[in-house]
Structure formats: structure tokens, C-alpha cells
Amino acid sequence: LHLLGLSEILAVVGVIASLVYLVSFFGIAFVQSIVSCHDEEDEFLLSAPLGDCRRAAGIRREALRRITGRALEGLPLDGFDYASILGQCCELPVGYVQLPVGVAGPLVLDGREHYLPMATTEGCLVASTSRGCKAIAQSGGATSVVLRDGMTRAPVVRLPSARRAAELKAFLQEPNNFENIALVFNRCSRFARLQAIQCALAGRNLYMRFSSSTGDAMGMNMVSKGVENVLGYLQNDFQDMDVISISGNFCSDKKPAAVNWIEGRGKSVVCEAVIKEEVVKKVLKTNIPALVELNMIKNLAGSAVAGSLGGFNAHASNIVSAIYIATGQDPAQNVESSHCITMMEAVNGGKDLHVSVTMPSIEVGTVGGGTQLASQAACLDLLGVKGASLESPGANARRLAAIVAGAVLAGELSLLSALAAGQLVQSHMKYNRSAKDSPKLPPE
């Protein structure tokens, strides 16, 4: 530019300004079409050419403002690594939602202390869970057992006749065929190991529920790849098999289902503790007979009256959801992961309380999905289960499932105690009511 005169420099500046305006204008117009059509591939069409995921989010947000007339004030844009979610966590981002994360604990579980990160907007939840953790710690801690560990996927196929579908079912359940099927399935990953195939017939439709270990990943994508391998293998001998869907809802994912309650999905965990009589009185502010009676009438009989499916508990989903969001799990899997039956009984001559939670389908992972995002990875690190276990693949995910069950145990203890002592309303009035939201009553 030092070789150009003033008029030439002004002309160059004008051209650059025009180009910037045109790029900005057509960028906005382009994004308007993106927002309108909701094509999942358009995320890459905008972010990749710009080379700046933050800028792409800003352009998309401006387009949304022009389309709707609303500026999304209060929804943060800056302060988030949009490149970390590109192609794996969220499409067409325009900002991010902030959630407070509280820490409950320590939860003493299997001889180790864990501080529980809980992302929630519900007052009392973290405080109540902490109270349950305190009662457990002062009674010597809780213990857990992982009973089963296997993610499932159930494709549905259609055969020309019910008889032909039954032949395929018999083929799959023939023990001599399982080894070959497992070899085909296990090619999908070095961590996948096919455990079982459960079949169900509906007319000429066959539902095949594959169960597999998945290492430290939650594993649905891994299992789906294995299932695709097997379907291709089966079509060599059953060329008349028509694959209707890779998922036929016999899995069953993100829906309440008896098959998960009975057979389990993900990690099946039981967690227990014996709470001392003095701890029940001093920490939980109630007594053992009242807790045992309340649990029977509310969690067992009351849930039966309601026709509950896997809901024989006070509020397991509260704790599951809070820890899932904090640690990058799929929050929609709270549906089946919160299946839980809470049991209470007096032991040691009625002086102590035995309490347990049995949760057959906790679906968690410590690698993949949202677990790799910075905030969620930090919460997993706090629990000591971040990433994959190098010594024993799958150990971190199993430990996380046990921690979830232990946290539910603490939450159940505290809420049921509050109910037994008539403290629920008072607690929520103290911790879950903001004075600024309360209407001002006129003076009497």
C-alpha cells in the first residue's frame, strides 16, 4: 500500500468494506436458510468454510434474531468451546445454557470417599443428598455390587412368514451358532464382547435383543455397529430377511420398559448400608419404625397402587438426572436408569436400619459423547473416573454406576426421613423459595 496514493488506498478500503458487507449479508441469508430447513449437515456447511465455530454460532444467532425478532438476551454466546461439540454433541448451536453445579458428600462407598457433582436448579436437592451422605458416613459407609454390565440393542426384521421368523429365532438361539455370531459382532470394537441374544416374535416380525459389554463407553453406538455386522452375516443364510429397523424398541432405550426392569440394561447395581439408630435420630431426625413403615406404604404399596414400572422409590430420578447432567451422560436415559426399588428394614434387634437400592439399568460411560467436554470431564475427574481405565477396561464406567447408586441411596434416606418427620414443606420453604419471587401480601 505504501506505493499507492491516497485515492488508491481509499478505493482498496472501499472494496474490502464491500466484500465484508457482502460476505456478512450472504452469510446471514445462508444461515436463515439453515435455521429454516434444520438440515443436520448445514452445521458443517457453515462452520467448516468459516474455520471458526464461535463465529458460525454468532452468525446463526443473528439469523435467528432476524427471523424471529428475538435477540436471545440472557443466553450466553461467549465462553464456550464450540469446536469441542462439532460433529458429535450438538448441531446448529447459538449459545449455551448455564446450570449451577453443587457438591454433595462425601459419600463413603466401598471404603472410598466421593464428592458428588450435581447439576440442578432444584433447591434442597444437594443439601438433602449431603445429609444422606452424612448419615451413611457416620454409620461406616455403604457397599455396592455391580451385578451385570451389558448394553443392548434390538433390531427388528421381517420374514415372509411366522414359521420362517421362528426358524431364524431358532438359529440365533442355537448354542453352536453363538460363537460365530459373536466373532462377527465383536469386530465392531476391541471392547465389545457379545454376551447374549434374546429373541421375541410378533407374527412374522422378529425382535433380537443383543447384549454386549462396551468397556468404559456407554456403548449404544458400539453395539449398533456390532448388530449391523450380524445382520449382514445373517442375510447370507436368510436372504428373505427384511431389516425394518436397527432399533425395534425391544432394547429398550429412553422409554420405561419391563424388559429393562427385569433383564437389566447397562449396569445393574445394588447398594446398601446399615444406619445406626443414633444416626437416624440425630442426623435424619426420625426413627427406624417410622422409616420402615413409610417406605412400605409409600415406595412399595403406593407405587403398586399407581401401577408403577420400576418406580418403587421416593425420587431416584432426581439424583440420577443431576449427576448425569454434571458428568456428560445422556439425560434422556434417566428414564430407565432411574428404575429403582428402595428397601428398608430394622436389623440388629430393631436398633439399626438396613437400607438398599437396587437399580437394574444404570446407563453410563466415562468416554465418548458429552463426557469429553471440559466441564463434564472436570466433574468426572472429581469422582476419579475420568476417561478409560487402562488397567481394567470398563472399571471406570462400572465405578460411576456404583457412585450413582450410592448417591441415590443417600437421597432416598434423606427425603424419606424428611417425609417421616414432616419436614419436607419446611425445608423447601427455606431452601427452594426465593423472597424476590414471593408475592407481597397487602397488610391486614
Protein backbone atom coordinates (compact mmCIF):
# COMPACT_ATOMS: atom_id res chain seq x y z
CA LEU A 1 0.00 0.00 0.00
CA HIS A 2 2.95 2.39 0.53
CA LEU A 3 3.30 2.58 -3.27
CA LEU A 4 -0.31 3.78 -3.69
CA GLY A 5 -1.65 7.27 -3.42
CA LEU A 6 -4.41 8.33 -1.03
CA SER A 7 -7.17 7.87 -3.60
CA GLU A 8 -5.95 4.37 -4.46
CA ILE A 9 -5.81 3.42 -0.76
CA LEU A 10 -9.35 4.68 -0.23
CA ALA A 11 -10.51 2.64 -3.20
CA VAL A 12 -8.90 -0.53 -1.82
CA VAL A 13 -10.50 0.10 1.56
CA GLY A 14 -13.88 0.56 -0.13
CA VAL A 15 -13.57 -2.73 -1.98
CA ILE A 16 -12.63 -4.56 1.21
CA ALA A 17 -15.54 -3.00 3.07
CA SER A 18 -17.92 -4.02 0.29
CA LEU A 19 -16.62 -7.59 0.36
CA VAL A 20 -17.04 -7.77 4.13
CA TYR A 21 -20.60 -6.47 3.82
CA LEU A 22 -21.47 -8.94 1.06
CA VAL A 23 -19.96 -11.87 2.99
CA SER A 24 -21.85 -10.79 6.09
CA PHE A 25 -25.12 -10.30 4.19
CA PHE A 26 -25.00 -13.53 2.28
CA GLY A 27 -23.72 -15.34 5.37
CA ILE A 28 -26.82 -14.23 7.26
CA ALA A 29 -29.08 -15.14 4.35
CA PHE A 30 -27.41 -18.52 4.12
CA VAL A 31 -27.88 -19.18 7.82
CA GLN A 32 -31.51 -18.11 7.57
CA SER A 33 -31.98 -20.99 5.17
CA ILE A 34 -30.08 -23.24 7.55
CA VAL A 35 -32.29 -22.34 10.51
CA SER A 36 -35.38 -22.81 8.37
CA CYS A 37 -34.54 -26.23 6.93
CA HIS A 38 -32.85 -27.73 10.03
CA ASP A 39 -30.53 -29.88 7.90
CA GLU A 40 -28.03 -31.52 10.25
CA GLU A 41 -25.31 -31.29 7.60
CA ASP A 42 -25.63 -27.49 7.37
CA GLU A 43 -23.63 -27.19 10.58
CA PHE A 44 -20.56 -28.25 8.63
CA LEU A 45 -21.50 -26.12 5.62
CA LEU A 46 -21.20 -23.01 7.78
CA SER A 47 -18.56 -23.88 10.40
CA ALA A 48 -16.08 -25.54 8.05
CA PRO A 49 -15.77 -22.69 5.48
CA LEU A 50 -15.53 -20.07 8.22
CA GLY A 51 -12.98 -22.08 10.16
CA ASP A 52 -14.39 -20.56 13.32
CA CYS A 53 -17.15 -22.39 15.21
CA ARG A 54 -17.69 -19.43 17.54
CA ARG A 55 -18.25 -17.11 14.59
CA ALA A 56 -20.60 -19.62 13.00
CA ALA A 57 -22.66 -19.69 16.19
CA GLY A 58 -22.76 -15.89 16.21
CA ILE A 59 -23.94 -15.70 12.60
CA ARG A 60 -26.56 -18.35 13.21
CA ARG A 61 -27.74 -16.47 16.27
CA GLU A 62 -28.04 -13.21 14.32
CA ALA A 63 -30.02 -15.01 11.63
CA LEU A 64 -32.35 -16.34 14.31
CA ARG A 65 -32.79 -12.83 15.67
CA ARG A 66 -33.74 -11.52 12.22
CA ILE A 67 -36.17 -14.37 11.61
CA THR A 68 -37.91 -14.33 14.99
CA GLY A 69 -37.36 -10.76 16.13
CA ARG A 70 -35.99 -12.06 19.42
CA ALA A 71 -32.38 -11.47 20.44
CA LEU A 72 -31.96 -14.35 22.93
CA GLU A 73 -30.82 -11.93 25.59
CA GLY A 74 -29.58 -13.82 28.63
CA LEU A 75 -28.41 -16.83 26.59
CA PRO A 76 -24.57 -16.66 26.68
CA LEU A 77 -22.60 -16.91 23.45
CA ASP A 78 -19.01 -16.35 24.53
CA GLY A 79 -17.13 -18.54 26.96
CA PHE A 80 -17.82 -21.90 25.33
CA ASP A 81 -15.64 -24.08 23.10
CA TYR A 82 -17.95 -24.69 20.15
CA ALA A 83 -15.29 -26.67 18.28
CA SER A 84 -15.49 -29.33 21.01
CA ILE A 85 -19.08 -30.23 20.07
CA LEU A 86 -18.75 -30.06 16.27
CA GLY A 87 -19.98 -33.29 14.73
CA GLN A 88 -20.61 -35.12 17.98
CA CYS A 89 -22.66 -33.35 20.64
CA CYS A 90 -24.96 -30.64 19.30
CA GLU A 91 -25.83 -29.24 15.90
CA LEU A 92 -26.61 -25.60 14.98
CA PRO A 93 -25.53 -24.09 18.34
CA VAL A 94 -26.49 -20.49 19.11
CA GLY A 95 -25.26 -20.37 22.71
CA TYR A 96 -25.22 -22.46 25.83
CA VAL A 97 -27.31 -22.82 28.98
CA GLN A 98 -25.72 -22.30 32.37
CA LEU A 99 -26.60 -24.70 35.19
CA PRO A 100 -25.32 -24.46 38.76
CA VAL A 101 -23.33 -27.45 39.97
CA GLY A 102 -23.40 -28.24 43.67
CA VAL A 103 -21.28 -30.78 45.51
CA ALA A 104 -22.78 -33.28 47.93
CA GLY A 105 -20.85 -35.57 50.19
CA PRO A 106 -18.55 -37.04 50.92
CA LEU A 107 -20.23 -40.31 50.03
CA VAL A 108 -18.33 -43.14 51.68
CA LEU A 109 -18.76 -46.06 49.31
CA ASP A 110 -16.78 -49.30 49.31
CA GLY A 111 -14.18 -47.71 51.59
CA ARG A 112 -13.61 -44.66 49.40
CA GLU A 113 -14.83 -41.08 49.65
CA HIS A 114 -16.55 -39.42 46.71
CA TYR A 115 -17.72 -35.83 46.38
CA LEU A 116 -20.79 -35.81 44.14
CA PRO A 117 -21.18 -33.12 41.45
CA MET A 118 -24.88 -32.41 40.91
CA ALA A 119 -26.19 -30.06 38.21
CA THR A 120 -29.65 -28.93 39.26
CA THR A 121 -31.97 -25.97 39.63
CA GLU A 122 -33.96 -27.57 42.45
CA GLY A 123 -33.37 -26.19 45.90
CA CYS A 124 -32.81 -28.71 48.73
CA LEU A 125 -31.63 -31.49 46.44
CA VAL A 126 -27.88 -31.09 47.02
CA ALA A 127 -28.35 -30.31 50.73
CA SER A 128 -30.65 -33.29 51.19
CA THR A 129 -28.29 -35.66 49.40
CA SER A 130 -25.44 -34.37 51.57
CA ARG A 131 -27.46 -35.16 54.68
CA GLY A 132 -27.96 -38.71 53.46
CA CYS A 133 -24.22 -38.98 52.75
CA LYS A 134 -23.52 -37.79 56.30
CA ALA A 135 -25.78 -40.46 57.77
CA ILE A 136 -24.07 -43.14 55.67
CA ALA A 137 -20.57 -41.93 56.59
CA GLN A 138 -21.32 -41.82 60.31
CA SER A 139 -22.60 -45.40 60.10
CA GLY A 140 -19.48 -46.84 58.50
CA GLY A 141 -20.24 -46.28 54.82
CA ALA A 142 -22.14 -48.09 52.07
CA THR A 143 -21.19 -51.02 49.88
CA SER A 144 -22.10 -51.76 46.26
CA VAL A 145 -22.14 -54.67 43.84
CA VAL A 146 -22.36 -54.45 40.05
CA LEU A 147 -24.47 -57.46 39.16
CA ARG A 148 -24.48 -57.15 35.38
CA ASP A 149 -22.81 -54.99 32.74
CA GLY A 150 -24.20 -55.09 29.22
CA MET A 151 -25.64 -52.55 26.80
CA THR A 152 -28.42 -53.72 24.49
CA ARG A 153 -29.69 -53.03 21.00
CA ALA A 154 -32.64 -54.85 19.47
CA PRO A 155 -33.21 -54.70 15.72
CA VAL A 156 -36.48 -55.86 14.19
CA VAL A 157 -36.61 -57.87 10.99
CA ARG A 158 -39.50 -59.24 8.95
CA LEU A 159 -39.61 -62.66 7.33
CA PRO A 160 -42.09 -63.91 4.72
CA SER A 161 -43.93 -65.96 7.35
CA ALA A 162 -44.09 -66.55 11.09
CA ARG A 163 -42.68 -70.02 10.51
CA ARG A 164 -39.67 -68.56 8.73
CA ALA A 165 -39.21 -66.00 11.55
CA ALA A 166 -39.27 -68.86 14.05
CA GLU A 167 -36.53 -70.61 12.06
CA LEU A 168 -34.32 -67.54 12.37
CA LYS A 169 -35.10 -67.34 16.07
CA ALA A 170 -34.07 -70.99 16.49
CA PHE A 171 -30.87 -70.34 14.53
CA LEU A 172 -29.92 -67.43 16.78
CA GLN A 173 -30.61 -69.38 19.95
CA GLU A 174 -28.72 -72.48 18.88
CA PRO A 175 -25.63 -72.60 21.16
CA ASN A 176 -23.42 -73.92 18.38
CA ASN A 177 -24.11 -70.81 16.28
CA PHE A 178 -23.40 -68.28 19.04
CA GLU A 179 -19.60 -68.45 18.71
CA ASN A 180 -19.63 -67.49 15.02
CA ILE A 181 -22.20 -64.74 15.61
CA ALA A 182 -20.09 -63.37 18.47
CA LEU A 183 -16.99 -63.27 16.26
CA VAL A 184 -18.88 -61.23 13.67
CA PHE A 185 -20.37 -58.94 16.32
CA ASN A 186 -17.10 -58.31 18.17
CA ARG A 187 -15.41 -56.91 15.07
CA CYS A 188 -17.13 -53.60 15.76
CA SER A 189 -14.75 -52.73 18.61
CA ARG A 190 -11.86 -54.11 20.66
CA PHE A 191 -14.03 -53.58 23.75
CA ALA A 192 -17.28 -55.14 22.51
CA ARG A 193 -17.97 -58.70 23.62
CA LEU A 194 -21.34 -60.19 22.77
CA GLN A 195 -22.95 -61.72 25.87
CA ALA A 196 -26.39 -62.93 24.82
CA ILE A 197 -29.18 -62.71 22.25
CA GLN A 198 -32.78 -62.67 23.45
CA CYS A 199 -35.49 -63.09 20.82
CA ALA A 200 -39.19 -62.24 20.74
CA LEU A 201 -41.67 -62.94 17.97
CA ALA A 202 -44.68 -60.89 16.90
CA GLY A 203 -46.29 -62.52 13.90
CA ARG A 204 -43.63 -62.66 11.21
CA ASN A 205 -41.59 -59.91 12.87
CA LEU A 206 -38.58 -61.00 14.89
CA TYR A 207 -37.04 -58.79 17.59
CA MET A 208 -33.46 -59.68 18.53
CA ARG A 209 -32.08 -58.13 21.75
CA PHE A 210 -28.27 -58.19 21.63
CA SER A 211 -26.41 -57.59 24.90
CA SER A 212 -22.72 -56.69 24.94
CA SER A 213 -20.01 -55.34 27.19
CA THR A 214 -18.73 -51.96 25.98
CA GLY A 215 -15.68 -51.06 28.07
CA ASP A 216 -15.88 -47.58 29.59
CA ALA A 217 -18.23 -46.25 26.91
CA MET A 218 -21.97 -46.14 27.45
CA GLY A 219 -21.81 -48.13 24.25
CA MET A 220 -25.00 -47.76 22.23
CA ASN A 221 -23.16 -46.78 19.03
CA MET A 222 -20.70 -49.60 19.57
CA VAL A 223 -23.47 -52.18 19.98
CA SER A 224 -25.35 -50.80 16.98
CA LYS A 225 -22.27 -51.36 14.81
CA GLY A 226 -22.00 -54.92 16.06
CA VAL A 227 -25.67 -55.52 15.31
CA GLU A 228 -25.21 -54.25 11.74
CA ASN A 229 -22.35 -56.70 11.30
CA VAL A 230 -24.53 -59.58 12.45
CA LEU A 231 -27.48 -58.56 10.26
CA GLY A 232 -25.21 -58.64 7.21
CA TYR A 233 -23.93 -62.04 8.26
CA LEU A 234 -27.45 -63.43 8.78
CA GLN A 235 -28.59 -62.37 5.32
CA ASN A 236 -26.20 -64.86 3.79
CA ASP A 237 -28.43 -67.68 5.06
CA PHE A 238 -31.68 -65.74 5.38
CA GLN A 239 -31.81 -63.75 2.17
CA ASP A 240 -35.57 -63.29 2.60
CA MET A 241 -34.98 -61.34 5.81
CA ASP A 242 -36.08 -57.71 5.55
CA VAL A 243 -34.43 -55.38 8.08
CA ILE A 244 -37.14 -52.98 9.27
CA SER A 245 -35.07 -51.02 11.79
CA ILE A 246 -31.78 -51.23 13.65
CA SER A 247 -33.88 -50.50 16.75
CA GLY A 248 -37.21 -52.19 17.30
CA ASN A 249 -37.84 -50.82 20.83
CA PHE A 250 -37.12 -54.18 22.44
CA CYS A 251 -33.77 -52.68 23.56
CA SER A 252 -35.35 -50.57 25.21
CA ASP A 253 -33.78 -47.11 25.12
CA LYS A 254 -35.16 -43.93 26.74
CA LYS A 255 -38.54 -45.48 27.48
CA PRO A 256 -39.93 -47.23 30.55
CA ALA A 257 -39.93 -50.95 29.76
CA ALA A 258 -40.37 -54.10 31.76
CA VAL A 259 -37.53 -55.79 29.86
CA ASN A 260 -35.03 -53.32 31.36
CA TRP A 261 -36.57 -53.65 34.81
CA ILE A 262 -36.36 -57.47 34.68
CA GLU A 263 -33.34 -58.20 32.46
CA GLY A 264 -31.30 -55.06 33.08
CA ARG A 265 -29.59 -52.70 30.65
CA GLY A 266 -26.23 -51.04 31.09
CA LYS A 267 -25.08 -51.61 34.66
CA SER A 268 -27.26 -53.45 37.20
CA VAL A 269 -26.24 -52.28 40.67
CA VAL A 270 -27.32 -52.88 44.26
CA CYS A 271 -26.09 -50.57 47.02
CA GLU A 272 -26.70 -50.99 50.74
CA ALA A 273 -25.86 -49.57 54.15
CA VAL A 274 -26.73 -50.17 57.80
CA ILE A 275 -27.60 -46.88 59.50
CA LYS A 276 -27.10 -46.76 63.24
CA GLU A 277 -30.04 -45.93 65.48
CA GLU A 278 -28.38 -42.84 66.96
CA VAL A 279 -27.58 -41.54 63.46
CA VAL A 280 -31.21 -41.97 62.42
CA LYS A 281 -32.23 -39.87 65.42
CA LYS A 282 -29.53 -37.19 65.36
CA VAL A 283 -28.83 -36.74 61.64
CA LEU A 284 -32.07 -37.84 59.99
CA LYS A 285 -34.33 -36.53 62.80
CA THR A 286 -36.68 -39.52 62.77
CA ASN A 287 -36.85 -43.12 63.99
CA ILE A 288 -36.45 -46.54 62.43
CA PRO A 289 -40.05 -47.82 62.74
CA ALA A 290 -41.36 -44.67 61.05
CA LEU A 291 -38.93 -45.05 58.13
CA VAL A 292 -39.68 -48.75 57.62
CA GLU A 293 -43.43 -48.13 57.67
CA LEU A 294 -43.21 -45.13 55.33
CA ASN A 295 -41.07 -47.00 52.82
CA MET A 296 -43.52 -49.92 52.77
CA ILE A 297 -46.65 -47.80 52.44
CA LYS A 298 -45.24 -45.16 50.06
CA ASN A 299 -42.48 -46.73 47.95
CA LEU A 300 -43.84 -50.27 47.76
CA ALA A 301 -47.62 -50.24 48.22
CA GLY A 302 -48.15 -46.72 46.90
CA SER A 303 -46.16 -47.37 43.74
CA ALA A 304 -48.04 -50.65 43.24
CA VAL A 305 -51.37 -48.80 43.53
CA ALA A 306 -50.11 -46.37 40.89
CA GLY A 307 -49.13 -49.26 38.59
CA SER A 308 -45.54 -48.04 38.62
CA LEU A 309 -42.93 -49.66 36.36
CA GLY A 310 -39.60 -49.64 38.16
CA GLY A 311 -40.62 -46.65 40.28
CA PHE A 312 -40.58 -48.19 43.75
CA ASN A 313 -38.61 -45.32 45.23
CA ALA A 314 -39.01 -41.76 46.51
CA HIS A 315 -37.02 -39.72 43.97
CA ALA A 316 -34.20 -41.71 42.38
CA SER A 317 -34.53 -39.77 39.12
CA ASN A 318 -33.71 -36.53 40.94
CA ILE A 319 -30.23 -37.70 41.83
CA VAL A 320 -29.67 -39.62 38.60
CA SER A 321 -30.53 -36.60 36.45
CA ALA A 322 -28.35 -34.20 38.44
CA ILE A 323 -25.27 -36.42 38.25
CA TYR A 324 -25.94 -37.33 34.61
CA ILE A 325 -26.04 -33.70 33.51
CA ALA A 326 -22.94 -32.84 35.52
CA THR A 327 -20.90 -35.74 34.12
CA GLY A 328 -21.96 -35.60 30.46
CA GLN A 329 -24.29 -38.60 30.35
CA ASP A 330 -27.34 -38.75 28.09
CA PRO A 331 -30.02 -37.15 30.29
CA ALA A 332 -32.80 -38.84 28.30
CA GLN A 333 -31.56 -42.19 29.62
CA ASN A 334 -32.67 -41.04 33.04
CA VAL A 335 -35.94 -42.82 32.13
CA GLU A 336 -34.64 -46.36 32.51
CA SER A 337 -31.58 -45.50 34.61
CA SER A 338 -33.89 -44.34 37.42
CA HIS A 339 -35.59 -47.73 37.69
CA CYS A 340 -35.08 -48.41 41.39
CA ILE A 341 -36.58 -50.28 44.31
CA THR A 342 -35.76 -48.94 47.77
CA MET A 343 -35.89 -51.40 50.66
CA MET A 344 -35.76 -50.66 54.41
CA GLU A 345 -35.91 -52.99 57.38
CA ALA A 346 -34.95 -52.96 61.04
CA VAL A 347 -31.93 -55.12 61.90
CA ASN A 348 -29.80 -55.94 64.94
CA GLY A 349 -32.82 -56.39 67.17
CA GLY A 350 -34.53 -53.31 65.77
CA LYS A 351 -31.70 -50.98 66.77
CA ASP A 352 -30.33 -50.28 63.29
CA LEU A 353 -31.76 -49.66 59.81
CA HIS A 354 -30.77 -51.70 56.76
CA VAL A 355 -31.43 -49.67 53.59
CA SER A 356 -30.74 -50.64 50.00
CA VAL A 357 -31.41 -49.51 46.45
CA THR A 358 -31.49 -51.95 43.54
CA MET A 359 -31.10 -50.33 40.13
CA PRO A 360 -31.07 -52.75 37.17
CA SER A 361 -30.41 -50.36 34.27
CA ILE A 362 -27.91 -47.58 35.02
CA GLU A 363 -26.58 -46.45 31.63
CA VAL A 364 -23.34 -44.52 32.00
CA GLY A 365 -19.96 -44.10 30.36
CA THR A 366 -16.74 -42.23 31.07
CA VAL A 367 -15.63 -41.81 27.44
CA GLY A 368 -17.46 -40.50 24.39
CA GLY A 369 -20.40 -38.13 23.98
CA GLY A 370 -20.65 -35.31 26.47
CA THR A 371 -18.05 -36.81 28.83
CA GLN A 372 -15.24 -35.20 26.81
CA LEU A 373 -16.48 -31.62 27.26
CA ALA A 374 -14.34 -29.59 29.65
CA SER A 375 -16.91 -29.02 32.41
CA GLN A 376 -18.24 -32.55 32.36
CA ALA A 377 -14.73 -34.03 32.23
CA ALA A 378 -13.85 -31.97 35.31
CA CYS A 379 -16.80 -33.49 37.19
CA LEU A 380 -15.76 -37.00 36.17
CA ASP A 381 -12.24 -36.20 37.33
CA LEU A 382 -13.63 -35.08 40.69
CA LEU A 383 -15.17 -38.55 41.03
CA GLY A 384 -11.92 -40.23 39.97
CA VAL A 385 -13.44 -41.90 36.91
CA LYS A 386 -12.45 -39.63 34.03
CA GLY A 387 -11.69 -41.37 30.73
CA ALA A 388 -10.97 -45.03 30.11
CA SER A 389 -9.44 -47.36 32.67
CA LEU A 390 -6.11 -48.57 31.34
CA GLU A 391 -5.73 -51.34 33.91
CA SER A 392 -9.22 -52.82 33.58
CA PRO A 393 -11.38 -51.65 30.64
CA GLY A 394 -14.86 -50.83 31.88
CA ALA A 395 -13.83 -50.30 35.51
CA ASN A 396 -14.38 -46.53 35.44
CA ALA A 397 -17.88 -46.82 33.98
CA ARG A 398 -18.81 -49.52 36.50
CA ARG A 399 -17.49 -47.35 39.32
CA LEU A 400 -19.53 -44.40 38.08
CA ALA A 401 -22.66 -46.59 38.06
CA ALA A 402 -21.94 -47.64 41.65
CA ILE A 403 -21.48 -43.99 42.66
CA VAL A 404 -24.82 -43.10 41.07
CA ALA A 405 -26.49 -45.88 43.08
CA GLY A 406 -24.75 -44.75 46.26
CA ALA A 407 -25.91 -41.17 45.68
CA VAL A 408 -29.47 -42.43 45.16
CA LEU A 409 -29.19 -44.35 48.43
CA ALA A 410 -28.24 -41.12 50.21
CA GLY A 411 -31.04 -39.19 48.54
CA GLU A 412 -33.63 -41.80 49.44
CA LEU A 413 -32.54 -41.84 53.07
CA SER A 414 -32.79 -38.09 53.44
CA LEU A 415 -36.08 -37.50 51.61
CA LEU A 416 -37.89 -40.35 53.33
CA SER A 417 -36.63 -39.08 56.67
CA ALA A 418 -37.92 -35.61 55.87
CA LEU A 419 -41.30 -37.07 54.97
CA ALA A 420 -41.40 -39.24 58.09
CA ALA A 421 -40.58 -36.24 60.26
CA GLY A 422 -42.92 -33.89 58.42
CA GLN A 423 -40.04 -31.64 57.36
CA LEU A 424 -40.49 -31.60 53.58
CA VAL A 425 -42.52 -28.41 53.26
CA GLN A 426 -40.42 -26.51 55.80
CA SER A 427 -37.19 -27.47 54.01
CA HIS A 428 -38.45 -26.34 50.63
CA MET A 429 -39.76 -23.10 52.08
CA LYS A 430 -36.29 -22.49 53.47
CA TYR A 431 -34.11 -23.54 50.52
CA ASN A 432 -36.36 -23.63 47.47
CA ARG A 433 -38.27 -20.35 47.77
CA SER A 434 -36.80 -17.05 46.75
CA ALA A 435 -38.10 -13.97 48.55
CA LYS A 436 -37.93 -11.94 45.35
CA ASP A 437 -40.39 -14.33 43.69
CA SER A 438 -42.87 -14.27 46.54
CA PRO A 439 -45.91 -12.04 46.07
CA LYS A 440 -46.20 -9.19 48.52
CA LEU A 441 -49.40 -9.53 50.52
CA PRO A 442 -51.30 -6.39 51.46
CA PRO A 443 -51.24 -5.50 55.15
CA GLU A 444 -54.19 -6.72 57.18
